[in-house]
Protein backbone atom coordinates (compact mmCIF):
# COMPACT_ATOMS: atom_id res chain seq x y z
CA MET A 1 -26.39 -19.74 34.32
CA SER A 2 -27.84 -19.52 30.83
CA SER A 3 -26.54 -17.19 28.16
CA GLU A 4 -29.62 -15.03 28.68
CA ASP A 5 -28.53 -14.54 32.29
CA GLU A 6 -25.02 -13.55 31.18
CA GLY A 7 -26.16 -11.13 28.49
CA ARG A 8 -26.14 -10.61 24.77
CA VAL A 9 -23.44 -8.85 22.83
CA LEU A 10 -23.56 -7.81 19.19
CA TYR A 11 -20.38 -6.72 17.43
CA VAL A 12 -20.62 -4.79 14.16
CA GLN A 13 -17.69 -5.13 11.75
CA THR A 14 -17.54 -2.45 9.05
CA HIS A 15 -13.87 -2.76 8.05
CA GLY A 16 -12.76 -5.39 5.58
CA SER A 17 -9.78 -7.12 4.07
CA ASP A 18 -8.30 -3.78 2.92
CA ASP A 19 -7.81 -2.90 6.60
CA PRO A 20 -6.33 -6.12 8.06
CA GLY A 21 -5.27 -4.47 11.31
CA ARG A 22 -8.94 -4.26 12.30
CA SER A 23 -9.85 -7.82 11.37
CA ALA A 24 -9.08 -10.13 14.30
CA THR A 25 -10.22 -8.04 17.27
CA PRO A 26 -14.00 -8.49 16.84
CA PHE A 27 -13.56 -12.27 16.63
CA PHE A 28 -11.25 -12.31 19.66
CA LEU A 29 -13.62 -10.22 21.76
CA ALA A 30 -16.64 -12.21 20.58
CA ALA A 31 -14.91 -15.47 21.55
CA SER A 32 -14.09 -14.00 24.97
CA ALA A 33 -17.71 -12.96 25.54
CA ALA A 34 -18.98 -16.37 24.42
CA ALA A 35 -16.54 -18.08 26.79
CA MET A 36 -18.03 -15.93 29.57
CA GLY A 37 -21.46 -17.36 28.77
CA CYS A 38 -22.86 -14.53 26.67
CA GLU A 39 -24.94 -14.97 23.55
CA VAL A 40 -22.80 -13.34 20.86
CA GLY A 41 -23.14 -12.34 17.23
CA ILE A 42 -21.01 -10.42 14.74
CA TYR A 43 -22.76 -8.47 12.00
CA PHE A 44 -20.69 -7.73 8.89
CA THR A 45 -21.72 -4.66 6.96
CA MET A 46 -20.14 -2.12 4.59
CA TYR A 47 -16.72 -3.70 3.81
CA GLY A 48 -16.86 -6.26 6.63
CA PRO A 49 -18.14 -9.13 4.47
CA THR A 50 -14.80 -9.23 2.63
CA LEU A 51 -13.26 -10.71 5.79
CA LEU A 52 -15.45 -13.77 5.41
CA ARG A 53 -14.37 -14.68 1.90
CA ARG A 54 -13.16 -18.26 1.63
CA ASP A 55 -10.08 -17.13 -0.28
CA VAL A 56 -9.11 -14.44 2.25
CA ILE A 57 -9.21 -15.92 5.75
CA ASP A 58 -5.83 -17.62 5.46
CA LYS A 59 -4.14 -14.61 3.84
CA ILE A 60 -4.89 -12.06 6.56
CA GLY A 61 -2.65 -12.16 9.58
CA PRO A 62 0.52 -10.85 11.11
CA LYS A 63 3.75 -10.70 9.18
CA GLY A 64 6.16 -13.52 9.84
CA ASP A 65 5.56 -15.93 12.69
CA ARG A 66 4.24 -13.40 15.21
CA GLY A 67 0.68 -14.65 15.43
CA GLN A 68 -2.24 -16.50 13.92
CA PRO A 69 -4.09 -16.02 10.61
CA LEU A 70 -7.64 -14.70 10.65
CA ARG A 71 -8.99 -18.26 10.21
CA TYR A 72 -7.76 -19.06 13.75
CA PHE A 73 -9.81 -16.26 15.31
CA ILE A 74 -12.90 -17.04 13.22
CA GLU A 75 -12.81 -20.72 14.18
CA GLN A 76 -12.15 -19.90 17.83
CA ALA A 77 -15.24 -17.67 17.90
CA THR A 78 -17.57 -19.97 15.97
CA ASP A 79 -16.47 -23.02 17.97
CA LEU A 80 -17.66 -21.15 21.07
CA GLY A 81 -21.05 -20.48 19.47
CA VAL A 82 -20.59 -16.98 18.05
CA LYS A 83 -23.07 -16.39 15.23
CA LEU A 84 -21.94 -14.65 12.05
CA TYR A 85 -24.43 -12.43 10.19
CA VAL A 86 -23.91 -10.60 6.92
CA CYS A 87 -25.76 -7.65 5.42
CA GLN A 88 -27.18 -8.52 1.99
CA PRO A 89 -26.72 -5.03 0.46
CA SER A 90 -23.10 -5.11 1.65
CA LEU A 91 -22.55 -8.29 -0.34
CA ASP A 92 -23.69 -6.36 -3.40
CA LEU A 93 -21.41 -3.44 -2.48
CA ASN A 94 -18.43 -5.81 -2.50
CA ASP A 95 -19.49 -7.83 -5.57
CA LEU A 96 -19.99 -10.92 -3.42
CA VAL A 97 -22.63 -13.61 -3.06
CA ILE A 98 -23.24 -15.74 0.03
CA ASP A 99 -21.48 -18.71 -1.63
CA ASP A 100 -18.24 -16.68 -1.69
CA LEU A 101 -18.22 -16.70 2.11
CA ILE A 102 -17.19 -19.31 4.65
CA ASP A 103 -19.77 -21.80 5.84
CA GLY A 104 -22.09 -20.86 8.67
CA VAL A 105 -22.73 -17.22 7.77
CA GLU A 106 -26.37 -16.14 7.88
CA MET A 107 -27.58 -13.38 5.58
CA ILE A 108 -30.00 -10.97 7.27
CA GLY A 109 -31.67 -7.70 6.40
CA GLY A 110 -31.95 -4.39 8.16
CA ALA A 111 -35.02 -5.32 10.22
CA ALA A 112 -33.33 -8.47 11.57
CA PHE A 113 -30.21 -6.48 12.42
CA ASN A 114 -32.28 -3.90 14.27
CA ASP A 115 -34.00 -6.67 16.23
CA LEU A 116 -30.59 -8.10 17.22
CA ALA A 117 -29.33 -4.67 18.23
CA MET A 118 -32.43 -3.86 20.31
CA GLU A 119 -32.27 -7.23 22.10
CA ALA A 120 -28.53 -6.93 22.82
CA ASP A 121 -27.23 -5.69 26.13
CA ALA A 122 -24.25 -4.18 24.32
CA VAL A 123 -23.51 -3.26 20.69
CA VAL A 124 -19.85 -2.66 19.83
CA ALA A 125 -18.77 -1.36 16.41
CA PHE A 126 -15.45 -1.76 14.62
């Protein structure tokens, strides 16, 4: 079965590095959906782009040895084909440029986001 047969899921991440408790779940769920054969994307808007900063992904994670850093969940998702999209105005909001982010992130505008959302079978926001 192709990914189109399995469905399309779009996750929207609005929380950023200031709210680390909400950081790993979208990547975990996106990886799970991709492993099920779905076409999956995560759109980072508002404060979400701060989670993709190169200098942050190894710093966010559980205290002590109780789990994995955010990098683990990001790599798990992207290795399974999850696409990462970032909102350009949200980069400005957070004083970021695309070069501040990890590799593989695509910057899109509002019209492209709306197209993704309308084509998705499910849109889940965090």
